[in-house]
Amino acid sequence: MAYLNADIPPIYCKVRKEYLYDFKKHQGESEECVVFGLTSMAGAATLFHIMLPNGAVFFRLPISAFFEKSYDRSEVPDMPVEQLQLWNSFSNNPSVHSFGNLI
């Protein structure tokens, strides 16, 4: 059984660059990425692991850091985590299922 981390099918999207720099630089910029895993901690929001095109890996970013890669950063409003994920994780043991017919 997984503890804290789980693999997920890859999701190709964009990440808000300020999340990669502790909100100190690159406000309003974005970069393409692939989301490949998640972290589940009881009582906290689900967090995601990503890889950038240059190979850099970042762990535990909230869902508010991402948006659809076909959009420009200026077209996507900033939304808080509590509007994007309505409840916290229930357990430290995540389970992910990928339906083969939907891939």
N, C-alpha and C. Protein backbone atom coordinates (compact mmCIF):
# COMPACT_ATOMS: atom_id res chain seq x y z
N MET A 1 0.85 -1.18 0.00
CA MET A 1 0.00 0.00 0.00
C MET A 1 0.89 1.25 0.00
N ALA A 2 0.52 2.22 -0.78
CA ALA A 2 1.28 3.47 -0.86
C ALA A 2 1.14 4.25 0.45
N TYR A 3 2.19 4.93 0.81
CA TYR A 3 2.13 5.82 1.97
C TYR A 3 2.52 7.20 1.51
N LEU A 4 1.63 8.12 1.55
CA LEU A 4 1.76 9.52 1.14
C LEU A 4 1.75 9.74 -0.36
N ASN A 5 2.53 8.99 -1.14
CA ASN A 5 2.67 9.25 -2.57
C ASN A 5 2.03 8.18 -3.43
N ALA A 6 1.55 8.59 -4.61
CA ALA A 6 0.98 7.65 -5.58
C ALA A 6 1.28 8.13 -6.99
N ASP A 7 1.51 7.17 -7.89
CA ASP A 7 1.65 7.48 -9.31
C ASP A 7 0.28 7.79 -9.89
N ILE A 8 0.24 8.71 -10.85
CA ILE A 8 -0.99 8.97 -11.59
C ILE A 8 -0.64 8.98 -13.07
N PRO A 9 -1.62 8.74 -13.95
CA PRO A 9 -1.34 8.87 -15.38
C PRO A 9 -0.86 10.30 -15.67
N PRO A 10 0.08 10.48 -16.58
CA PRO A 10 0.63 11.82 -16.83
C PRO A 10 -0.44 12.80 -17.31
N ILE A 11 -0.35 14.01 -16.79
CA ILE A 11 -1.23 15.10 -17.19
C ILE A 11 -0.34 16.22 -17.72
N TYR A 12 -0.50 16.56 -18.98
CA TYR A 12 0.30 17.62 -19.59
C TYR A 12 -0.46 18.92 -19.45
N CYS A 13 0.15 19.89 -18.77
CA CYS A 13 -0.53 21.16 -18.49
C CYS A 13 0.52 22.25 -18.33
N LYS A 14 0.12 23.37 -17.75
CA LYS A 14 1.05 24.45 -17.44
C LYS A 14 1.01 24.70 -15.94
N VAL A 15 2.14 25.15 -15.42
CA VAL A 15 2.25 25.50 -14.00
C VAL A 15 2.48 27.01 -13.90
N ARG A 16 1.88 27.63 -12.92
CA ARG A 16 2.11 29.05 -12.65
C ARG A 16 3.50 29.18 -12.05
N LYS A 17 4.37 29.88 -12.73
CA LYS A 17 5.79 29.91 -12.36
C LYS A 17 6.06 30.46 -10.97
N GLU A 18 5.21 31.33 -10.47
CA GLU A 18 5.45 31.88 -9.13
C GLU A 18 5.44 30.81 -8.05
N TYR A 19 4.74 29.69 -8.29
CA TYR A 19 4.73 28.58 -7.33
C TYR A 19 6.10 27.90 -7.25
N LEU A 20 6.91 28.02 -8.27
CA LEU A 20 8.23 27.41 -8.29
C LEU A 20 9.28 28.29 -7.63
N TYR A 21 8.95 29.53 -7.35
CA TYR A 21 9.91 30.50 -6.80
C TYR A 21 9.39 31.15 -5.52
N ASP A 22 8.60 30.42 -4.73
CA ASP A 22 8.07 30.90 -3.45
C ASP A 22 7.35 32.25 -3.58
N PHE A 23 6.73 32.49 -4.71
CA PHE A 23 5.96 33.70 -4.98
C PHE A 23 6.82 34.97 -4.94
N LYS A 24 8.13 34.82 -5.08
CA LYS A 24 9.04 35.97 -5.03
C LYS A 24 9.40 36.48 -6.42
N LYS A 25 9.26 35.64 -7.45
CA LYS A 25 9.60 36.03 -8.82
C LYS A 25 8.61 35.41 -9.79
N HIS A 26 8.67 35.89 -11.01
CA HIS A 26 7.93 35.31 -12.15
C HIS A 26 6.41 35.37 -11.99
N GLN A 27 5.90 36.41 -11.38
CA GLN A 27 4.45 36.59 -11.25
C GLN A 27 3.84 36.71 -12.64
N GLY A 28 2.75 36.01 -12.86
CA GLY A 28 2.05 36.09 -14.13
C GLY A 28 2.66 35.28 -15.26
N GLU A 29 3.72 34.52 -14.99
CA GLU A 29 4.35 33.69 -16.01
C GLU A 29 3.96 32.23 -15.80
N SER A 30 4.16 31.44 -16.84
CA SER A 30 3.84 30.01 -16.74
C SER A 30 4.85 29.20 -17.54
N GLU A 31 4.85 27.89 -17.29
CA GLU A 31 5.72 26.98 -18.02
C GLU A 31 5.00 25.65 -18.16
N GLU A 32 5.22 24.98 -19.29
CA GLU A 32 4.61 23.67 -19.49
C GLU A 32 5.24 22.67 -18.54
N CYS A 33 4.45 21.67 -18.16
CA CYS A 33 4.93 20.63 -17.26
C CYS A 33 4.12 19.36 -17.45
N VAL A 34 4.58 18.30 -16.82
CA VAL A 34 3.81 17.07 -16.77
C VAL A 34 3.64 16.70 -15.29
N VAL A 35 2.39 16.50 -14.90
CA VAL A 35 2.07 16.07 -13.54
C VAL A 35 2.11 14.54 -13.55
N PHE A 36 2.89 13.94 -12.64
CA PHE A 36 3.07 12.49 -12.67
C PHE A 36 2.76 11.77 -11.36
N GLY A 37 2.50 12.50 -10.30
CA GLY A 37 2.21 11.86 -9.02
C GLY A 37 1.50 12.79 -8.08
N LEU A 38 1.07 12.24 -6.95
CA LEU A 38 0.38 13.05 -5.95
C LEU A 38 0.80 12.63 -4.55
N THR A 39 0.54 13.53 -3.61
CA THR A 39 0.75 13.27 -2.19
C THR A 39 -0.57 13.46 -1.48
N SER A 40 -0.89 12.53 -0.60
CA SER A 40 -2.10 12.62 0.22
C SER A 40 -1.69 12.61 1.68
N MET A 41 -1.98 13.70 2.39
CA MET A 41 -1.72 13.78 3.82
C MET A 41 -3.05 14.09 4.51
N ALA A 42 -3.41 13.28 5.47
CA ALA A 42 -4.70 13.44 6.16
C ALA A 42 -4.85 14.87 6.67
N GLY A 43 -5.99 15.48 6.36
CA GLY A 43 -6.29 16.83 6.83
C GLY A 43 -5.69 17.94 6.00
N ALA A 44 -5.04 17.61 4.88
CA ALA A 44 -4.43 18.63 4.03
C ALA A 44 -4.92 18.45 2.59
N ALA A 45 -4.74 19.49 1.79
CA ALA A 45 -5.12 19.41 0.38
C ALA A 45 -4.21 18.41 -0.34
N THR A 46 -4.74 17.80 -1.39
CA THR A 46 -3.93 16.91 -2.23
C THR A 46 -2.88 17.75 -2.94
N LEU A 47 -1.66 17.26 -2.99
CA LEU A 47 -0.55 17.96 -3.62
C LEU A 47 0.00 17.12 -4.76
N PHE A 48 0.60 17.77 -5.76
CA PHE A 48 1.00 17.08 -6.98
C PHE A 48 2.50 17.25 -7.26
N HIS A 49 3.07 16.24 -7.95
CA HIS A 49 4.48 16.24 -8.34
C HIS A 49 4.57 16.49 -9.84
N ILE A 50 5.53 17.33 -10.24
CA ILE A 50 5.64 17.68 -11.66
C ILE A 50 7.09 17.58 -12.16
N MET A 51 7.21 17.49 -13.48
CA MET A 51 8.51 17.60 -14.13
C MET A 51 8.40 18.65 -15.22
N LEU A 52 9.40 19.53 -15.29
CA LEU A 52 9.46 20.58 -16.31
C LEU A 52 10.22 20.06 -17.54
N PRO A 53 10.11 20.74 -18.67
CA PRO A 53 10.81 20.30 -19.89
C PRO A 53 12.32 20.17 -19.72
N ASN A 54 12.93 20.94 -18.81
CA ASN A 54 14.38 20.86 -18.60
C ASN A 54 14.78 19.73 -17.64
N GLY A 55 13.80 18.95 -17.17
CA GLY A 55 14.08 17.82 -16.29
C GLY A 55 13.95 18.12 -14.81
N ALA A 56 13.75 19.37 -14.45
CA ALA A 56 13.59 19.73 -13.04
C ALA A 56 12.30 19.13 -12.49
N VAL A 57 12.37 18.60 -11.28
CA VAL A 57 11.21 17.98 -10.64
C VAL A 57 10.84 18.79 -9.40
N PHE A 58 9.57 19.08 -9.25
CA PHE A 58 9.04 19.78 -8.08
C PHE A 58 7.97 18.92 -7.44
N PHE A 59 8.01 18.82 -6.13
CA PHE A 59 7.07 18.00 -5.39
C PHE A 59 6.11 18.87 -4.59
N ARG A 60 4.90 18.35 -4.40
CA ARG A 60 3.90 18.90 -3.49
C ARG A 60 3.43 20.31 -3.83
N LEU A 61 2.95 20.47 -5.05
CA LEU A 61 2.33 21.73 -5.47
C LEU A 61 0.81 21.56 -5.41
N PRO A 62 0.08 22.58 -4.96
CA PRO A 62 -1.38 22.47 -4.88
C PRO A 62 -2.02 22.56 -6.25
N ILE A 63 -3.26 22.15 -6.34
CA ILE A 63 -3.99 22.15 -7.61
C ILE A 63 -4.12 23.57 -8.18
N SER A 64 -4.07 24.58 -7.33
CA SER A 64 -4.19 25.96 -7.80
C SER A 64 -2.97 26.40 -8.61
N ALA A 65 -1.90 25.61 -8.63
CA ALA A 65 -0.70 25.95 -9.39
C ALA A 65 -0.82 25.62 -10.88
N PHE A 66 -1.87 24.87 -11.27
CA PHE A 66 -1.94 24.34 -12.64
C PHE A 66 -3.13 24.88 -13.44
N PHE A 67 -2.95 24.86 -14.76
CA PHE A 67 -4.06 25.16 -15.65
C PHE A 67 -3.82 24.50 -17.00
N GLU A 68 -4.87 24.41 -17.80
CA GLU A 68 -4.87 23.75 -19.11
C GLU A 68 -3.80 24.38 -20.02
N LYS A 69 -3.01 23.54 -20.69
CA LYS A 69 -1.88 24.06 -21.46
C LYS A 69 -2.27 24.82 -22.71
N SER A 70 -3.51 24.72 -23.16
CA SER A 70 -3.93 25.46 -24.35
C SER A 70 -4.26 26.92 -24.04
N TYR A 71 -4.30 27.29 -22.77
CA TYR A 71 -4.62 28.67 -22.38
C TYR A 71 -3.36 29.48 -22.14
N ASP A 72 -3.49 30.79 -22.31
CA ASP A 72 -2.45 31.72 -21.95
C ASP A 72 -2.63 32.10 -20.48
N ARG A 73 -1.55 32.36 -19.79
CA ARG A 73 -1.62 32.67 -18.35
C ARG A 73 -2.56 33.83 -18.04
N SER A 74 -2.60 34.82 -18.90
CA SER A 74 -3.45 35.99 -18.66
C SER A 74 -4.94 35.68 -18.77
N GLU A 75 -5.30 34.56 -19.39
CA GLU A 75 -6.71 34.18 -19.56
C GLU A 75 -7.27 33.39 -18.37
N VAL A 76 -6.39 32.97 -17.47
CA VAL A 76 -6.80 32.07 -16.38
C VAL A 76 -6.81 32.83 -15.06
N PRO A 77 -7.98 32.92 -14.40
CA PRO A 77 -8.02 33.63 -13.12
C PRO A 77 -7.34 32.83 -12.01
N ASP A 78 -6.74 33.53 -11.06
CA ASP A 78 -6.19 32.87 -9.87
C ASP A 78 -7.35 32.45 -8.99
N MET A 79 -7.31 31.21 -8.53
CA MET A 79 -8.36 30.70 -7.65
C MET A 79 -7.72 30.06 -6.43
N PRO A 80 -8.29 30.24 -5.25
CA PRO A 80 -7.72 29.61 -4.06
C PRO A 80 -7.99 28.10 -4.04
N VAL A 81 -7.15 27.38 -3.31
CA VAL A 81 -7.26 25.93 -3.22
C VAL A 81 -8.65 25.51 -2.74
N GLU A 82 -9.20 26.22 -1.78
CA GLU A 82 -10.50 25.82 -1.21
C GLU A 82 -11.66 25.91 -2.21
N GLN A 83 -11.49 26.62 -3.31
CA GLN A 83 -12.51 26.63 -4.36
C GLN A 83 -12.28 25.51 -5.38
N LEU A 84 -11.08 24.98 -5.43
CA LEU A 84 -10.74 23.94 -6.40
C LEU A 84 -10.81 22.54 -5.82
N GLN A 85 -10.59 22.41 -4.53
CA GLN A 85 -10.70 21.13 -3.84
C GLN A 85 -11.58 21.35 -2.62
N LEU A 86 -12.75 20.74 -2.63
CA LEU A 86 -13.77 21.06 -1.63
C LEU A 86 -13.54 20.42 -0.27
N TRP A 87 -12.67 19.39 -0.18
CA TRP A 87 -12.38 18.79 1.12
C TRP A 87 -10.94 18.32 1.14
N ASN A 88 -10.40 18.20 2.34
CA ASN A 88 -9.03 17.74 2.51
C ASN A 88 -8.94 16.23 2.33
N SER A 89 -7.73 15.74 2.20
CA SER A 89 -7.50 14.29 2.10
C SER A 89 -7.92 13.62 3.40
N PHE A 90 -8.42 12.41 3.30
CA PHE A 90 -8.89 11.67 4.46
C PHE A 90 -7.82 10.75 5.04
N SER A 91 -6.75 10.49 4.28
CA SER A 91 -5.80 9.46 4.69
C SER A 91 -4.41 9.75 4.13
N ASN A 92 -3.40 9.11 4.73
CA ASN A 92 -2.04 9.17 4.20
C ASN A 92 -1.78 8.06 3.20
N ASN A 93 -2.80 7.27 2.90
CA ASN A 93 -2.67 6.13 2.00
C ASN A 93 -3.51 6.33 0.74
N PRO A 94 -2.97 7.05 -0.25
CA PRO A 94 -3.76 7.31 -1.46
C PRO A 94 -3.91 6.06 -2.32
N SER A 95 -5.00 6.03 -3.05
CA SER A 95 -5.26 4.97 -4.01
C SER A 95 -5.71 5.61 -5.31
N VAL A 96 -5.08 5.24 -6.40
CA VAL A 96 -5.40 5.81 -7.71
C VAL A 96 -5.77 4.66 -8.65
N HIS A 97 -6.84 4.84 -9.38
CA HIS A 97 -7.25 3.84 -10.37
C HIS A 97 -7.39 4.52 -11.72
N SER A 98 -6.83 3.92 -12.73
CA SER A 98 -6.93 4.44 -14.08
C SER A 98 -7.80 3.50 -14.90
N PHE A 99 -8.90 3.98 -15.42
CA PHE A 99 -9.80 3.16 -16.23
C PHE A 99 -9.22 3.04 -17.63
N GLY A 100 -8.87 1.81 -18.03
CA GLY A 100 -8.22 1.56 -19.31
C GLY A 100 -9.03 2.03 -20.50
N ASN A 101 -10.34 1.98 -20.42
CA ASN A 101 -11.20 2.40 -21.52
C ASN A 101 -11.16 3.90 -21.76
N LEU A 102 -10.74 4.67 -20.77
CA LEU A 102 -10.75 6.13 -20.88
C LEU A 102 -9.39 6.71 -21.28
N ILE A 103 -8.41 5.86 -21.46
CA ILE A 103 -7.06 6.35 -21.80
C ILE A 103 -6.92 6.47 -23.30
